[in-house]
């Protein structure tokens, strides 16, 4: 299993639009092969910073989703809401 950490910074005033876009993406990913779950977090001291943590069967499953036209189309709705590109980090168990 791997975990994907995605950090996003939302433009002030567009939090509601972002929340809707993020929910839409989470609905899309639910049926994707290799997706094992996820959560979306808001930084407690800065509501413009968001963290999405997803768990995947393996790196290939994540890459298939990451490169998919479905995700790319969903991101096209989300990108205008961000102050910068999202930051994606991939983590695996160290043992």
C-alpha atoms as a PDB file:
ATOM      1  CA  UNK A   1       0.000   0.000   0.000  1.00  0.00           C
ATOM      2  CA  UNK A   2       1.061   3.572  -0.630  1.00  0.00           C
ATOM      3  CA  UNK A   3      -0.283   6.901   0.532  1.00  0.00           C
ATOM      4  CA  UNK A   4      -0.548   9.988  -1.619  1.00  0.00           C
ATOM      5  CA  UNK A   5      -0.404  13.367   0.117  1.00  0.00           C
ATOM      6  CA  UNK A   6      -1.717  16.277  -1.932  1.00  0.00           C
ATOM      7  CA  UNK A   7      -1.338  19.798  -0.587  1.00  0.00           C
ATOM      8  CA  UNK A   8      -3.424  22.573  -2.094  1.00  0.00           C
ATOM      9  CA  UNK A   9      -3.707  26.287  -1.351  1.00  0.00           C
ATOM     10  CA  UNK A  10      -7.118  27.770  -2.050  1.00  0.00           C
ATOM     11  CA  UNK A  11      -7.731  31.337  -3.171  1.00  0.00           C
ATOM     12  CA  UNK A  12      -9.422  33.317  -0.405  1.00  0.00           C
ATOM     13  CA  UNK A  13     -13.167  33.429  -0.898  1.00  0.00           C
ATOM     14  CA  UNK A  14     -13.305  30.291  -3.062  1.00  0.00           C
ATOM     15  CA  UNK A  15     -13.419  27.724  -0.264  1.00  0.00           C
ATOM     16  CA  UNK A  16     -17.003  26.624  -0.983  1.00  0.00           C
ATOM     17  CA  UNK A  17     -16.274  26.135  -4.675  1.00  0.00           C
ATOM     18  CA  UNK A  18     -13.174  24.138  -3.803  1.00  0.00           C
ATOM     19  CA  UNK A  19     -15.110  21.940  -1.354  1.00  0.00           C
ATOM     20  CA  UNK A  20     -17.624  21.089  -4.077  1.00  0.00           C
ATOM     21  CA  UNK A  21     -14.877  20.325  -6.609  1.00  0.00           C
ATOM     22  CA  UNK A  22     -13.033  18.163  -4.060  1.00  0.00           C
ATOM     23  CA  UNK A  23     -16.219  16.223  -3.257  1.00  0.00           C
ATOM     24  CA  UNK A  24     -16.764  15.647  -6.976  1.00  0.00           C
ATOM     25  CA  UNK A  25     -13.255  14.222  -7.357  1.00  0.00           C
ATOM     26  CA  UNK A  26     -13.703  11.963  -4.320  1.00  0.00           C
ATOM     27  CA  UNK A  27     -16.943  10.611  -5.815  1.00  0.00           C
ATOM     28  CA  UNK A  28     -15.144   9.866  -9.088  1.00  0.00           C
ATOM     29  CA  UNK A  29     -12.245   8.054  -7.444  1.00  0.00           C
ATOM     30  CA  UNK A  30     -14.445   5.768  -5.307  1.00  0.00           C
ATOM     31  CA  UNK A  31     -14.822   3.158  -8.062  1.00  0.00           C
ATOM     32  CA  UNK A  32     -11.250   3.292  -9.364  1.00  0.00           C
ATOM     33  CA  UNK A  33      -9.298   0.025  -9.229  1.00  0.00           C
ATOM     34  CA  UNK A  34      -6.657   0.137  -6.509  1.00  0.00           C
ATOM     35  CA  UNK A  35      -8.179   3.034  -4.540  1.00  0.00           C
ATOM     36  CA  UNK A  36      -8.375   2.057  -0.862  1.00  0.00           C
ATOM     37  CA  UNK A  37      -9.703   5.239   0.771  1.00  0.00           C
ATOM     38  CA  UNK A  38      -9.007   8.845   1.497  1.00  0.00           C
ATOM     39  CA  UNK A  39      -9.671  11.920   3.559  1.00  0.00           C
ATOM     40  CA  UNK A  40      -9.600  15.670   3.114  1.00  0.00           C
ATOM     41  CA  UNK A  41      -8.243  17.951   5.839  1.00  0.00           C
ATOM     42  CA  UNK A  42      -8.273  21.695   6.491  1.00  0.00           C
ATOM     43  CA  UNK A  43      -5.328  23.253   8.314  1.00  0.00           C
ATOM     44  CA  UNK A  44      -6.610  24.428  11.690  1.00  0.00           C
ATOM     45  CA  UNK A  45      -4.898  27.827  11.582  1.00  0.00           C
ATOM     46  CA  UNK A  46      -5.252  28.491   7.848  1.00  0.00           C
ATOM     47  CA  UNK A  47      -8.481  27.545   6.054  1.00  0.00           C
ATOM     48  CA  UNK A  48      -6.840  28.164   2.676  1.00  0.00           C
ATOM     49  CA  UNK A  49      -4.519  25.180   3.102  1.00  0.00           C
ATOM     50  CA  UNK A  50      -5.919  21.752   2.339  1.00  0.00           C
ATOM     51  CA  UNK A  51      -4.443  18.306   2.540  1.00  0.00           C
ATOM     52  CA  UNK A  52      -5.837  15.273   0.751  1.00  0.00           C
ATOM     53  CA  UNK A  53      -4.556  11.885   1.866  1.00  0.00           C
ATOM     54  CA  UNK A  54      -5.417   8.856  -0.236  1.00  0.00           C
ATOM     55  CA  UNK A  55      -4.383   5.244   0.052  1.00  0.00           C
ATOM     56  CA  UNK A  56      -3.703   3.072  -2.987  1.00  0.00           C
ATOM     57  CA  UNK A  57      -2.947  -0.594  -3.584  1.00  0.00           C
ATOM     58  CA  UNK A  58       0.309   0.298  -5.343  1.00  0.00           C
ATOM     59  CA  UNK A  59       2.090   2.986  -7.339  1.00  0.00           C
ATOM     60  CA  UNK A  60       0.706   1.694 -10.652  1.00  0.00           C
ATOM     61  CA  UNK A  61      -2.896   2.157  -9.434  1.00  0.00           C
ATOM     62  CA  UNK A  62      -2.136   5.745  -8.376  1.00  0.00           C
ATOM     63  CA  UNK A  63      -0.372   6.553 -11.642  1.00  0.00           C
ATOM     64  CA  UNK A  64      -3.258   5.126 -13.669  1.00  0.00           C
ATOM     65  CA  UNK A  65      -5.664   7.425 -11.810  1.00  0.00           C
ATOM     66  CA  UNK A  66      -3.291  10.394 -11.777  1.00  0.00           C
ATOM     67  CA  UNK A  67      -2.803  10.210 -15.539  1.00  0.00           C
ATOM     68  CA  UNK A  68      -6.437   9.433 -16.359  1.00  0.00           C
ATOM     69  CA  UNK A  69      -8.540  11.784 -18.444  1.00  0.00           C
ATOM     70  CA  UNK A  70     -11.201  11.629 -15.701  1.00  0.00           C
ATOM     71  CA  UNK A  71      -8.838  13.099 -13.097  1.00  0.00           C
ATOM     72  CA  UNK A  72      -7.422  15.608 -15.564  1.00  0.00           C
ATOM     73  CA  UNK A  73     -10.923  16.874 -16.397  1.00  0.00           C
ATOM     74  CA  UNK A  74     -11.796  17.137 -12.710  1.00  0.00           C
ATOM     75  CA  UNK A  75      -8.592  19.073 -12.038  1.00  0.00           C
ATOM     76  CA  UNK A  76      -9.461  21.565 -14.769  1.00  0.00           C
ATOM     77  CA  UNK A  77     -12.390  22.649 -12.573  1.00  0.00           C
ATOM     78  CA  UNK A  78     -10.205  22.806  -9.472  1.00  0.00           C
ATOM     79  CA  UNK A  79      -7.037  24.495 -10.750  1.00  0.00           C
ATOM     80  CA  UNK A  80      -8.606  27.961 -11.154  1.00  0.00           C
ATOM     81  CA  UNK A  81      -9.474  27.832  -7.446  1.00  0.00           C
ATOM     82  CA  UNK A  82      -5.847  27.357  -6.365  1.00  0.00           C
ATOM     83  CA  UNK A  83      -3.162  29.966  -5.764  1.00  0.00           C
ATOM     84  CA  UNK A  84      -0.487  27.568  -7.061  1.00  0.00           C
ATOM     85  CA  UNK A  85      -0.142  24.066  -8.478  1.00  0.00           C
ATOM     86  CA  UNK A  86      -0.953  21.239  -6.104  1.00  0.00           C
ATOM     87  CA  UNK A  87       1.978  19.470  -4.450  1.00  0.00           C
ATOM     88  CA  UNK A  88       1.828  15.666  -4.622  1.00  0.00           C
ATOM     89  CA  UNK A  89       4.006  13.434  -2.474  1.00  0.00           C
ATOM     90  CA  UNK A  90       4.086   9.644  -2.497  1.00  0.00           C
ATOM     91  CA  UNK A  91       4.786   7.677   0.680  1.00  0.00           C
ATOM     92  CA  UNK A  92       5.321   3.969   1.244  1.00  0.00           C
ATOM     93  CA  UNK A  93       5.845   1.911   4.377  1.00  0.00           C
ATOM     94  CA  UNK A  94       9.427   1.903   5.534  1.00  0.00           C
ATOM     95  CA  UNK A  95       9.395  -1.647   6.846  1.00  0.00           C
END
